Amino acid sequence: MPWKNPPHPMRTSFIYRTFGAPRSTLEMLNRELPPRAPGSFRVAVSYVPVNPSDLIPITGAYAHRISLPAVAGYEGVGRVVEAPDGLSHMVGRRVLPLRGEGTWQTQVDCPAHHAVEVPDAVPDLVAARAYINPMAAATMLRLWPVCDKVVLLSGAGSSCSEHLGRWAISQGAKRVMGIYRSENRKDRLRRVGIEPISTANIRAILTASAQADVAFDALGGDIARCVLERMRGETDFVAYGLLTGKPVEFGAGVRATYHRFHMRDHFSVLAGQGMQAAFAEIWPLLAESPPSPPRVFPAREWRQAFAEVEKPGGQKPILDLSSLA
């Protein structure tokens, strides 16, 4: 019989070749799995969240930093299936495959020193969301401490904002107020101790802004401008998101100090201290205040998951990549 080469191992990846609307630009493709890079783990990815920070780059907002074609996704959880020499004990263990390839694929390679082992007590659906929003919230609260301060959040229904609010309360904030867009967020904000303010109530927003010592803004646009222009001197306005798709524009009379926060600016510090050490403070925080329950979609229903992101008050969507195995 003629010799037949064994079939090449394959993986399924979510790829974009051009920039544009995520639902029409992204493709789910089967591709040949390349050889594993030296010093890397190969991880079989189980679950990946669908964050605004995953979708915005697909639109071309950060085109100058992205080489096409690109694989979507920045976080997720999976199990190590291959490891470098000396780290074979990690095979079978759950990790967060950070700072490697895009995570929206059934198998992903990441540098072994950037993979974070997940404690046994942390469920997959919490671990999958443990990086982008929790790490950003913890870093901001470290840079701008809130003990005995009045805190104002915009985009208060978002995952990162909820982490900020909960952890600000636990760190001794005097008061935490949250500006929300969807009415069905209001009760949850109250339950976790955040005073809800509707985006429709401009008078209340202006009053809260004048009282705030620190504002963490996820929205941008007109609401952000209103907050910033109303804040007192010797206060801090931290812009970390653009959920409205509009930048923060303001004039020369602003008294608060404006800060722009990008998590990527702090990656080198995190890598320097070691990712395991960086997560040592995140796991207890998530155990004490777990994120709201997600809605899990089979990976082939990714367009429905994107629709959930766009839905006012929708649940946090997570793609189940193990459904493709």
C-alpha atoms as a PDB file:
ATOM      1  CA  MET A   1       0.000   0.000   0.000  1.00  0.00           C
ATOM      2  CA  PRO A   2       1.256   3.535  -0.716  1.00  0.00           C
ATOM      3  CA  TRP A   3       2.426   5.498   2.322  1.00  0.00           C
ATOM      4  CA  LYS A   4      -0.047   8.136   3.482  1.00  0.00           C
ATOM      5  CA  ASN A   5       1.005  11.095   5.536  1.00  0.00           C
ATOM      6  CA  PRO A   6      -1.000  11.410   8.762  1.00  0.00           C
ATOM      7  CA  PRO A   7      -3.572  14.217   8.665  1.00  0.00           C
ATOM      8  CA  HIS A   8      -2.391  17.528  10.027  1.00  0.00           C
ATOM      9  CA  PRO A   9      -3.995  18.551  13.324  1.00  0.00           C
ATOM     10  CA  MET A  10      -6.517  21.347  12.879  1.00  0.00           C
ATOM     11  CA  ARG A  11      -8.040  24.094  14.980  1.00  0.00           C
ATOM     12  CA  THR A  12     -11.055  26.350  14.586  1.00  0.00           C
ATOM     13  CA  SER A  13     -10.312  30.084  14.772  1.00  0.00           C
ATOM     14  CA  PHE A  14     -12.338  33.298  14.615  1.00  0.00           C
ATOM     15  CA  ILE A  15     -10.432  35.450  12.138  1.00  0.00           C
ATOM     16  CA  TYR A  16     -10.854  38.867  10.567  1.00  0.00           C
ATOM     17  CA  ARG A  17      -9.018  39.748   7.353  1.00  0.00           C
ATOM     18  CA  THR A  18     -10.341  43.297   7.087  1.00  0.00           C
ATOM     19  CA  PHE A  19     -11.720  45.834   9.545  1.00  0.00           C
ATOM     20  CA  GLY A  20     -15.449  46.400   9.812  1.00  0.00           C
ATOM     21  CA  ALA A  21     -18.627  45.445  11.654  1.00  0.00           C
ATOM     22  CA  PRO A  22     -17.761  42.341  13.728  1.00  0.00           C
ATOM     23  CA  ARG A  23     -20.841  40.334  12.732  1.00  0.00           C
ATOM     24  CA  SER A  24     -20.069  40.663   9.024  1.00  0.00           C
ATOM     25  CA  THR A  25     -16.266  40.785   9.208  1.00  0.00           C
ATOM     26  CA  LEU A  26     -15.432  37.848  11.465  1.00  0.00           C
ATOM     27  CA  GLU A  27     -15.098  34.340  10.005  1.00  0.00           C
ATOM     28  CA  MET A  28     -15.030  30.973  11.784  1.00  0.00           C
ATOM     29  CA  LEU A  29     -12.415  28.899   9.938  1.00  0.00           C
ATOM     30  CA  ASN A  30     -10.734  25.524  10.318  1.00  0.00           C
ATOM     31  CA  ARG A  31      -6.986  25.931   9.962  1.00  0.00           C
ATOM     32  CA  GLU A  32      -3.925  23.754  10.181  1.00  0.00           C
ATOM     33  CA  LEU A  33      -2.326  23.838  13.621  1.00  0.00           C
ATOM     34  CA  PRO A  34       1.289  25.040  13.359  1.00  0.00           C
ATOM     35  CA  PRO A  35       4.142  23.528  15.393  1.00  0.00           C
ATOM     36  CA  ARG A  36       4.174  24.737  18.992  1.00  0.00           C
ATOM     37  CA  ALA A  37       6.708  27.498  19.612  1.00  0.00           C
ATOM     38  CA  PRO A  38       9.548  26.723  22.058  1.00  0.00           C
ATOM     39  CA  GLY A  39       8.767  27.792  25.609  1.00  0.00           C
ATOM     40  CA  SER A  40       5.018  27.874  24.977  1.00  0.00           C
ATOM     41  CA  PHE A  41       2.038  26.005  26.329  1.00  0.00           C
ATOM     42  CA  ARG A  42      -0.560  24.686  23.933  1.00  0.00           C
ATOM     43  CA  VAL A  43      -3.980  25.206  25.489  1.00  0.00           C
ATOM     44  CA  ALA A  44      -7.310  23.667  24.505  1.00  0.00           C
ATOM     45  CA  VAL A  45      -9.621  26.625  25.063  1.00  0.00           C
ATOM     46  CA  SER A  46     -12.969  25.934  26.739  1.00  0.00           C
ATOM     47  CA  TYR A  47     -14.684  29.300  27.211  1.00  0.00           C
ATOM     48  CA  VAL A  48     -14.067  32.853  25.998  1.00  0.00           C
ATOM     49  CA  PRO A  49     -16.071  35.952  26.963  1.00  0.00           C
ATOM     50  CA  VAL A  50     -17.316  38.444  24.397  1.00  0.00           C
ATOM     51  CA  ASN A  51     -16.193  41.842  25.684  1.00  0.00           C
ATOM     52  CA  PRO A  52     -16.463  45.235  23.995  1.00  0.00           C
ATOM     53  CA  SER A  53     -12.651  45.218  24.143  1.00  0.00           C
ATOM     54  CA  ASP A  54     -12.689  42.102  21.931  1.00  0.00           C
ATOM     55  CA  LEU A  55     -15.054  43.593  19.362  1.00  0.00           C
ATOM     56  CA  ILE A  56     -13.803  47.177  19.103  1.00  0.00           C
ATOM     57  CA  PRO A  57     -10.432  46.212  17.516  1.00  0.00           C
ATOM     58  CA  ILE A  58     -12.297  44.336  14.760  1.00  0.00           C
ATOM     59  CA  THR A  59     -13.916  47.632  13.715  1.00  0.00           C
ATOM     60  CA  GLY A  60     -10.505  49.150  13.005  1.00  0.00           C
ATOM     61  CA  ALA A  61     -10.406  51.479  16.012  1.00  0.00           C
ATOM     62  CA  TYR A  62      -6.825  50.351  16.727  1.00  0.00           C
ATOM     63  CA  ALA A  63      -5.833  49.555  13.148  1.00  0.00           C
ATOM     64  CA  HIS A  64      -2.341  51.006  13.601  1.00  0.00           C
ATOM     65  CA  ARG A  65      -1.558  48.308  16.205  1.00  0.00           C
ATOM     66  CA  ILE A  66      -3.051  45.270  14.438  1.00  0.00           C
ATOM     67  CA  SER A  67      -1.604  43.196  11.598  1.00  0.00           C
ATOM     68  CA  LEU A  68      -4.169  41.436   9.431  1.00  0.00           C
ATOM     69  CA  PRO A  69      -5.309  38.731   9.277  1.00  0.00           C
ATOM     70  CA  ALA A  70      -5.842  38.558  13.036  1.00  0.00           C
ATOM     71  CA  VAL A  71      -7.502  36.199  15.499  1.00  0.00           C
ATOM     72  CA  ALA A  72     -10.054  37.800  17.816  1.00  0.00           C
ATOM     73  CA  GLY A  73     -10.114  37.583  21.591  1.00  0.00           C
ATOM     74  CA  TYR A  74      -7.939  38.600  24.535  1.00  0.00           C
ATOM     75  CA  GLU A  75      -8.932  36.249  27.339  1.00  0.00           C
ATOM     76  CA  GLY A  76     -10.434  32.861  28.116  1.00  0.00           C
ATOM     77  CA  VAL A  77      -9.789  29.641  30.018  1.00  0.00           C
ATOM     78  CA  GLY A  78      -8.626  26.201  28.917  1.00  0.00           C
ATOM     79  CA  ARG A  79      -6.450  23.196  29.745  1.00  0.00           C
ATOM     80  CA  VAL A  80      -2.803  22.705  28.869  1.00  0.00           C
ATOM     81  CA  VAL A  81      -2.420  19.897  26.317  1.00  0.00           C
ATOM     82  CA  GLU A  82       1.275  20.378  25.482  1.00  0.00           C
ATOM     83  CA  ALA A  83       4.074  21.895  27.556  1.00  0.00           C
ATOM     84  CA  PRO A  84       7.801  22.627  27.257  1.00  0.00           C
ATOM     85  CA  ASP A  85      10.385  20.335  28.824  1.00  0.00           C
ATOM     86  CA  GLY A  86      10.446  20.851  32.561  1.00  0.00           C
ATOM     87  CA  LEU A  87       6.792  21.930  32.680  1.00  0.00           C
ATOM     88  CA  SER A  88       5.125  18.652  31.761  1.00  0.00           C
ATOM     89  CA  HIS A  89       3.397  18.658  35.173  1.00  0.00           C
ATOM     90  CA  MET A  90       1.175  21.457  33.817  1.00  0.00           C
ATOM     91  CA  VAL A  91      -0.463  19.205  31.207  1.00  0.00           C
ATOM     92  CA  GLY A  92      -4.134  18.839  32.110  1.00  0.00           C
ATOM     93  CA  ARG A  93      -4.214  21.909  34.340  1.00  0.00           C
ATOM     94  CA  ARG A  94      -6.479  24.885  33.765  1.00  0.00           C
ATOM     95  CA  VAL A  95      -4.824  28.142  32.785  1.00  0.00           C
ATOM     96  CA  LEU A  96      -5.547  31.586  31.414  1.00  0.00           C
ATOM     97  CA  PRO A  97      -3.559  31.711  28.130  1.00  0.00           C
ATOM     98  CA  LEU A  98      -2.478  35.344  28.284  1.00  0.00           C
ATOM     99  CA  ARG A  99      -0.494  37.536  25.915  1.00  0.00           C
ATOM    100  CA  GLY A 100      -0.120  34.961  23.180  1.00  0.00           C
ATOM    101  CA  GLU A 101      -2.299  34.446  20.135  1.00  0.00           C
ATOM    102  CA  GLY A 102      -5.904  35.605  19.930  1.00  0.00           C
ATOM    103  CA  THR A 103      -7.901  33.406  22.299  1.00  0.00           C
ATOM    104  CA  TRP A 104     -10.948  32.827  20.103  1.00  0.00           C
ATOM    105  CA  GLN A 105      -9.716  29.508  18.771  1.00  0.00           C
ATOM    106  CA  THR A 106     -10.013  25.930  19.942  1.00  0.00           C
ATOM    107  CA  GLN A 107      -6.273  25.623  20.559  1.00  0.00           C
ATOM    108  CA  VAL A 108      -3.964  28.500  21.340  1.00  0.00           C
ATOM    109  CA  ASP A 109      -0.257  28.824  22.144  1.00  0.00           C
ATOM    110  CA  CYS A 110       0.959  31.255  24.785  1.00  0.00           C
ATOM    111  CA  PRO A 111       4.329  31.874  26.451  1.00  0.00           C
ATOM    112  CA  ALA A 112       4.541  29.592  29.482  1.00  0.00           C
ATOM    113  CA  HIS A 113       5.607  32.454  31.761  1.00  0.00           C
ATOM    114  CA  HIS A 114       2.463  34.412  30.839  1.00  0.00           C
ATOM    115  CA  ALA A 115       0.016  31.566  31.488  1.00  0.00           C
ATOM    116  CA  VAL A 116      -1.800  31.855  34.813  1.00  0.00           C
ATOM    117  CA  GLU A 117      -2.848  28.680  36.595  1.00  0.00           C
ATOM    118  CA  VAL A 118      -6.473  28.774  37.749  1.00  0.00           C
ATOM    119  CA  PRO A 119      -7.188  27.734  41.364  1.00  0.00           C
ATOM    120  CA  ASP A 120      -9.381  24.647  41.694  1.00  0.00           C
ATOM    121  CA  ALA A 121     -12.078  26.608  43.523  1.00  0.00           C
ATOM    122  CA  VAL A 122     -12.608  29.065  40.640  1.00  0.00           C
ATOM    123  CA  PRO A 123     -15.305  27.940  38.147  1.00  0.00           C
ATOM    124  CA  ASP A 124     -14.556  28.054  34.415  1.00  0.00           C
ATOM    125  CA  LEU A 125     -17.160  30.750  33.762  1.00  0.00           C
ATOM    126  CA  VAL A 126     -15.530  33.036  36.345  1.00  0.00           C
ATOM    127  CA  ALA A 127     -11.967  32.230  35.266  1.00  0.00           C
ATOM    128  CA  ALA A 128     -12.782  32.990  31.621  1.00  0.00           C
ATOM    129  CA  ARG A 129     -13.554  36.586  32.651  1.00  0.00           C
ATOM    130  CA  ALA A 130     -10.783  37.038  35.219  1.00  0.00           C
ATOM    131  CA  TYR A 131      -8.337  39.061  33.143  1.00  0.00           C
ATOM    132  CA  ILE A 132      -9.446  42.101  31.156  1.00  0.00           C
ATOM    133  CA  ASN A 133     -12.045  43.710  33.418  1.00  0.00           C
ATOM    134  CA  PRO A 134     -10.921  42.549  36.892  1.00  0.00           C
ATOM    135  CA  MET A 135      -7.273  43.379  36.246  1.00  0.00           C
ATOM    136  CA  ALA A 136      -8.190  46.795  34.852  1.00  0.00           C
ATOM    137  CA  ALA A 137     -10.431  47.558  37.846  1.00  0.00           C
ATOM    138  CA  ALA A 138      -7.823  46.436  40.385  1.00  0.00           C
ATOM    139  CA  THR A 139      -5.096  48.440  38.640  1.00  0.00           C
ATOM    140  CA  MET A 140      -7.183  51.621  38.523  1.00  0.00           C
ATOM    141  CA  LEU A 141      -8.072  51.342  42.204  1.00  0.00           C
ATOM    142  CA  ARG A 142      -4.390  50.930  43.002  1.00  0.00           C
ATOM    143  CA  LEU A 143      -3.468  54.025  40.954  1.00  0.00           C
ATOM    144  CA  TRP A 144      -6.345  56.148  42.270  1.00  0.00           C
ATOM    145  CA  PRO A 145      -7.158  54.980  45.826  1.00  0.00           C
ATOM    146  CA  VAL A 146     -10.750  55.567  46.912  1.00  0.00           C
ATOM    147  CA  CYS A 147     -10.731  55.114  50.698  1.00  0.00           C
ATOM    148  CA  ASP A 148     -12.898  57.837  52.311  1.00  0.00           C
ATOM    149  CA  LYS A 149     -13.714  59.280  48.884  1.00  0.00           C
ATOM    150  CA  VAL A 150     -16.920  59.772  46.904  1.00  0.00           C
ATOM    151  CA  VAL A 151     -16.743  57.709  43.710  1.00  0.00           C
ATOM    152  CA  LEU A 152     -18.763  58.203  40.520  1.00  0.00           C
ATOM    153  CA  LEU A 153     -18.945  55.518  37.823  1.00  0.00           C
ATOM    154  CA  SER A 154     -20.321  55.888  34.316  1.00  0.00           C
ATOM    155  CA  GLY A 155     -21.415  52.903  32.276  1.00  0.00           C
ATOM    156  CA  ALA A 156     -22.200  51.394  35.660  1.00  0.00           C
ATOM    157  CA  GLY A 157     -23.896  48.344  34.170  1.00  0.00           C
ATOM    158  CA  SER A 158     -20.676  47.179  32.495  1.00  0.00           C
ATOM    159  CA  SER A 159     -18.534  44.390  33.942  1.00  0.00           C
ATOM    160  CA  CYS A 160     -15.498  46.559  34.667  1.00  0.00           C
ATOM    161  CA  SER A 161     -17.595  49.275  36.273  1.00  0.00           C
ATOM    162  CA  GLU A 162     -19.314  46.775  38.548  1.00  0.00           C
ATOM    163  CA  HIS A 163     -15.931  45.453  39.693  1.00  0.00           C
ATOM    164  CA  LEU A 164     -14.819  49.037  40.342  1.00  0.00           C
ATOM    165  CA  GLY A 165     -17.939  49.762  42.378  1.00  0.00           C
ATOM    166  CA  ARG A 166     -17.915  46.596  44.474  1.00  0.00           C
ATOM    167  CA  TRP A 167     -14.210  46.776  45.219  1.00  0.00           C
ATOM    168  CA  ALA A 168     -14.312  50.527  45.917  1.00  0.00           C
ATOM    169  CA  ILE A 169     -16.920  49.832  48.596  1.00  0.00           C
ATOM    170  CA  SER A 170     -14.791  47.055  50.107  1.00  0.00           C
ATOM    171  CA  GLN A 171     -11.777  49.403  50.088  1.00  0.00           C
ATOM    172  CA  GLY A 172     -13.587  52.000  52.167  1.00  0.00           C
ATOM    173  CA  ALA A 173     -15.091  54.427  49.662  1.00  0.00           C
ATOM    174  CA  LYS A 174     -17.380  56.871  51.428  1.00  0.00           C
ATOM    175  CA  ARG A 175     -20.028  56.621  48.709  1.00  0.00           C
ATOM    176  CA  VAL A 176     -20.287  55.029  45.253  1.00  0.00           C
ATOM    177  CA  MET A 177     -22.710  56.305  42.597  1.00  0.00           C
ATOM    178  CA  GLY A 178     -23.216  54.746  39.184  1.00  0.00           C
ATOM    179  CA  ILE A 179     -24.611  56.239  35.962  1.00  0.00           C
ATOM    180  CA  TYR A 180     -26.491  53.538  34.057  1.00  0.00           C
ATOM    181  CA  ARG A 181     -28.054  53.391  30.585  1.00  0.00           C
ATOM    182  CA  SER A 182     -30.433  50.422  30.858  1.00  0.00           C
ATOM    183  CA  GLU A 183     -33.235  50.411  33.447  1.00  0.00           C
ATOM    184  CA  ASN A 184     -32.823  46.717  34.176  1.00  0.00           C
ATOM    185  CA  ARG A 185     -29.363  47.457  35.618  1.00  0.00           C
ATOM    186  CA  LYS A 186     -30.785  49.631  38.396  1.00  0.00           C
ATOM    187  CA  ASP A 187     -31.827  46.934  40.874  1.00  0.00           C
ATOM    188  CA  ARG A 188     -28.539  45.052  40.574  1.00  0.00           C
ATOM    189  CA  LEU A 189     -26.573  48.245  41.216  1.00  0.00           C
ATOM    190  CA  ARG A 190     -28.583  48.847  44.376  1.00  0.00           C
ATOM    191  CA  ARG A 191     -28.036  45.256  45.524  1.00  0.00           C
ATOM    192  CA  VAL A 192     -24.256  45.607  45.342  1.00  0.00           C
ATOM    193  CA  GLY A 193     -24.284  48.985  47.107  1.00  0.00           C
ATOM    194  CA  ILE A 194     -23.978  51.371  44.143  1.00  0.00           C
ATOM    195  CA  GLU A 195     -26.420  54.313  44.059  1.00  0.00           C
ATOM    196  CA  PRO A 196     -28.005  54.243  40.560  1.00  0.00           C
ATOM    197  CA  ILE A 197     -28.368  57.385  38.426  1.00  0.00           C
ATOM    198  CA  SER A 198     -30.063  57.247  35.022  1.00  0.00           C
ATOM    199  CA  THR A 199     -28.365  58.812  32.007  1.00  0.00           C
ATOM    200  CA  ALA A 200     -31.712  60.547  31.435  1.00  0.00           C
ATOM    201  CA  ASN A 201     -31.444  62.413  34.757  1.00  0.00           C
ATOM    202  CA  ILE A 202     -28.972  65.153  33.836  1.00  0.00           C
ATOM    203  CA  ARG A 203     -29.681  67.144  36.997  1.00  0.00           C
ATOM    204  CA  ALA A 204     -28.720  64.158  39.183  1.00  0.00           C
ATOM    205  CA  ILE A 205     -25.605  63.544  37.074  1.00  0.00           C
ATOM    206  CA  LEU A 206     -24.464  67.139  37.512  1.00  0.00           C
ATOM    207  CA  THR A 207     -25.094  67.000  41.269  1.00  0.00           C
ATOM    208  CA  ALA A 208     -23.191  63.715  41.623  1.00  0.00           C
ATOM    209  CA  SER A 209     -20.324  65.063  39.526  1.00  0.00           C
ATOM    210  CA  ALA A 210     -19.944  68.072  41.797  1.00  0.00           C
ATOM    211  CA  GLN A 211     -19.758  65.731  44.809  1.00  0.00           C
ATOM    212  CA  ALA A 212     -17.327  63.188  43.335  1.00  0.00           C
ATOM    213  CA  ASP A 213     -13.684  62.960  44.368  1.00  0.00           C
ATOM    214  CA  VAL A 214     -12.910  60.332  41.720  1.00  0.00           C
ATOM    215  CA  ALA A 215     -14.831  59.469  38.537  1.00  0.00           C
ATOM    216  CA  PHE A 216     -14.190  56.346  36.464  1.00  0.00           C
ATOM    217  CA  ASP A 217     -15.683  56.829  32.996  1.00  0.00           C
ATOM    218  CA  ALA A 218     -16.521  53.938  30.666  1.00  0.00           C
ATOM    219  CA  LEU A 219     -18.809  55.883  28.327  1.00  0.00           C
ATOM    220  CA  GLY A 220     -17.047  58.853  26.770  1.00  0.00           C
ATOM    221  CA  GLY A 221     -19.189  61.280  24.781  1.00  0.00           C
ATOM    222  CA  ASP A 222     -21.608  63.824  26.229  1.00  0.00           C
ATOM    223  CA  ILE A 223     -22.091  62.165  29.627  1.00  0.00           C
ATOM    224  CA  ALA A 224     -18.342  62.074  30.220  1.00  0.00           C
ATOM    225  CA  ARG A 225     -18.030  65.729  29.242  1.00  0.00           C
ATOM    226  CA  CYS A 226     -20.844  66.724  31.632  1.00  0.00           C
ATOM    227  CA  VAL A 227     -19.190  64.862  34.501  1.00  0.00           C
ATOM    228  CA  LEU A 228     -15.703  66.212  33.840  1.00  0.00           C
ATOM    229  CA  GLU A 229     -16.785  69.824  33.432  1.00  0.00           C
ATOM    230  CA  ARG A 230     -18.786  69.728  36.676  1.00  0.00           C
ATOM    231  CA  MET A 231     -16.137  68.144  38.914  1.00  0.00           C
ATOM    232  CA  ARG A 232     -14.283  70.269  41.462  1.00  0.00           C
ATOM    233  CA  GLY A 233     -10.594  71.071  41.560  1.00  0.00           C
ATOM    234  CA  GLU A 234      -8.205  68.522  43.113  1.00  0.00           C
ATOM    235  CA  THR A 235     -10.366  65.642  41.893  1.00  0.00           C
ATOM    236  CA  ASP A 236      -9.572  62.903  39.380  1.00  0.00           C
ATOM    237  CA  PHE A 237     -11.441  61.909  36.222  1.00  0.00           C
ATOM    238  CA  VAL A 238     -10.255  58.570  34.815  1.00  0.00           C
ATOM    239  CA  ALA A 239     -11.324  57.772  31.236  1.00  0.00           C
ATOM    240  CA  TYR A 240     -10.951  54.055  30.503  1.00  0.00           C
ATOM    241  CA  GLY A 241     -13.673  53.199  27.988  1.00  0.00           C
ATOM    242  CA  LEU A 242     -15.677  54.501  25.036  1.00  0.00           C
ATOM    243  CA  LEU A 243     -18.908  52.503  25.176  1.00  0.00           C
ATOM    244  CA  THR A 244     -20.683  55.337  23.349  1.00  0.00           C
ATOM    245  CA  GLY A 245     -18.072  55.244  20.593  1.00  0.00           C
ATOM    246  CA  LYS A 246     -17.406  58.954  21.159  1.00  0.00           C
ATOM    247  CA  PRO A 247     -14.295  60.558  22.688  1.00  0.00           C
ATOM    248  CA  VAL A 248     -14.306  62.819  25.731  1.00  0.00           C
ATOM    249  CA  GLU A 249     -14.203  66.417  24.492  1.00  0.00           C
ATOM    250  CA  PHE A 250     -13.797  69.301  26.921  1.00  0.00           C
ATOM    251  CA  GLY A 251     -12.664  72.908  27.071  1.00  0.00           C
ATOM    252  CA  ALA A 252      -9.962  74.783  28.947  1.00  0.00           C
ATOM    253  CA  GLY A 253     -12.018  75.493  32.064  1.00  0.00           C
ATOM    254  CA  VAL A 254     -11.929  71.958  33.460  1.00  0.00           C
ATOM    255  CA  ARG A 255     -10.779  71.862  37.101  1.00  0.00           C
ATOM    256  CA  ALA A 256     -10.481  68.109  37.654  1.00  0.00           C
ATOM    257  CA  THR A 257      -7.337  66.272  36.574  1.00  0.00           C
ATOM    258  CA  TYR A 258      -8.022  64.207  33.449  1.00  0.00           C
ATOM    259  CA  HIS A 259      -6.353  60.786  33.157  1.00  0.00           C
ATOM    260  CA  ARG A 260      -6.526  58.328  30.255  1.00  0.00           C
ATOM    261  CA  PHE A 261      -6.192  54.703  31.374  1.00  0.00           C
ATOM    262  CA  HIS A 262      -5.185  51.897  28.985  1.00  0.00           C
ATOM    263  CA  MET A 263      -4.536  48.498  30.542  1.00  0.00           C
ATOM    264  CA  ARG A 264      -1.910  47.751  27.894  1.00  0.00           C
ATOM    265  CA  ASP A 265       0.266  50.544  29.343  1.00  0.00           C
ATOM    266  CA  HIS A 266       0.635  48.474  32.516  1.00  0.00           C
ATOM    267  CA  PHE A 267       1.323  45.046  31.029  1.00  0.00           C
ATOM    268  CA  SER A 268       5.097  45.423  31.341  1.00  0.00           C
ATOM    269  CA  VAL A 269       4.751  46.096  35.078  1.00  0.00           C
ATOM    270  CA  LEU A 270       2.510  43.055  35.502  1.00  0.00           C
ATOM    271  CA  ALA A 271       4.875  40.871  33.508  1.00  0.00           C
ATOM    272  CA  GLY A 272       7.789  42.123  35.587  1.00  0.00           C
ATOM    273  CA  GLN A 273       6.203  41.084  38.873  1.00  0.00           C
ATOM    274  CA  GLY A 274       4.987  37.827  37.327  1.00  0.00           C
ATOM    275  CA  MET A 275       1.455  37.128  36.150  1.00  0.00           C
ATOM    276  CA  GLN A 276       0.865  34.594  38.933  1.00  0.00           C
ATOM    277  CA  ALA A 277       1.701  37.251  41.514  1.00  0.00           C
ATOM    278  CA  ALA A 278      -0.491  39.803  39.750  1.00  0.00           C
ATOM    279  CA  PHE A 279      -3.442  37.429  39.969  1.00  0.00           C
ATOM    280  CA  ALA A 280      -2.839  36.626  43.636  1.00  0.00           C
ATOM    281  CA  GLU A 281      -4.982  39.645  44.544  1.00  0.00           C
ATOM    282  CA  ILE A 282      -7.577  39.037  41.803  1.00  0.00           C
ATOM    283  CA  TRP A 283      -8.688  35.516  42.770  1.00  0.00           C
ATOM    284  CA  PRO A 284      -9.781  36.436  46.336  1.00  0.00           C
ATOM    285  CA  LEU A 285     -11.632  39.499  45.043  1.00  0.00           C
ATOM    286  CA  LEU A 286     -13.547  37.386  42.520  1.00  0.00           C
ATOM    287  CA  ALA A 287     -14.325  34.771  45.180  1.00  0.00           C
ATOM    288  CA  GLU A 288     -15.745  37.453  47.463  1.00  0.00           C
ATOM    289  CA  SER A 289     -17.624  39.312  44.709  1.00  0.00           C
ATOM    290  CA  PRO A 290     -18.159  37.034  41.700  1.00  0.00           C
ATOM    291  CA  PRO A 291     -19.275  38.601  38.412  1.00  0.00           C
ATOM    292  CA  SER A 292     -22.907  38.449  37.365  1.00  0.00           C
ATOM    293  CA  PRO A 293     -24.025  35.158  35.758  1.00  0.00           C
ATOM    294  CA  PRO A 294     -23.202  35.003  32.030  1.00  0.00           C
ATOM    295  CA  ARG A 295     -25.182  33.625  29.121  1.00  0.00           C
ATOM    296  CA  VAL A 296     -23.296  30.785  27.443  1.00  0.00           C
ATOM    297  CA  PHE A 297     -23.591  30.354  23.668  1.00  0.00           C
ATOM    298  CA  PRO A 298     -22.332  27.391  21.624  1.00  0.00           C
ATOM    299  CA  ALA A 299     -19.447  28.721  19.532  1.00  0.00           C
ATOM    300  CA  ARG A 300     -21.395  28.358  16.282  1.00  0.00           C
ATOM    301  CA  GLU A 301     -23.970  30.826  17.654  1.00  0.00           C
ATOM    302  CA  TRP A 302     -21.399  33.609  17.854  1.00  0.00           C
ATOM    303  CA  ARG A 303     -23.564  36.084  15.972  1.00  0.00           C
ATOM    304  CA  GLN A 304     -26.319  35.666  18.577  1.00  0.00           C
ATOM    305  CA  ALA A 305     -23.691  36.280  21.267  1.00  0.00           C
ATOM    306  CA  PHE A 306     -22.702  39.536  19.559  1.00  0.00           C
ATOM    307  CA  ALA A 307     -26.366  40.576  19.526  1.00  0.00           C
ATOM    308  CA  GLU A 308     -26.461  39.985  23.292  1.00  0.00           C
ATOM    309  CA  VAL A 309     -23.552  42.413  23.721  1.00  0.00           C
ATOM    310  CA  GLU A 310     -25.504  45.079  21.829  1.00  0.00           C
ATOM    311  CA  LYS A 311     -28.749  44.479  23.730  1.00  0.00           C
ATOM    312  CA  PRO A 312     -29.409  47.084  26.457  1.00  0.00           C
ATOM    313  CA  GLY A 313     -29.133  45.268  29.762  1.00  0.00           C
ATOM    314  CA  GLY A 314     -28.109  41.998  28.111  1.00  0.00           C
ATOM    315  CA  GLN A 315     -26.235  39.299  30.019  1.00  0.00           C
ATOM    316  CA  LYS A 316     -22.490  38.914  29.569  1.00  0.00           C
ATOM    317  CA  PRO A 317     -22.094  36.441  26.661  1.00  0.00           C
ATOM    318  CA  ILE A 318     -19.541  33.643  26.729  1.00  0.00           C
ATOM    319  CA  LEU A 319     -18.696  31.372  23.795  1.00  0.00           C
ATOM    320  CA  ASP A 320     -18.341  27.657  24.530  1.00  0.00           C
ATOM    321  CA  LEU A 321     -15.457  26.612  22.278  1.00  0.00           C
ATOM    322  CA  SER A 322     -15.505  23.076  23.673  1.00  0.00           C
ATOM    323  CA  SER A 323     -18.738  22.626  21.689  1.00  0.00           C
ATOM    324  CA  LEU A 324     -16.568  22.571  18.542  1.00  0.00           C
ATOM    325  CA  ALA A 325     -14.497  19.591  19.699  1.00  0.00           C
END
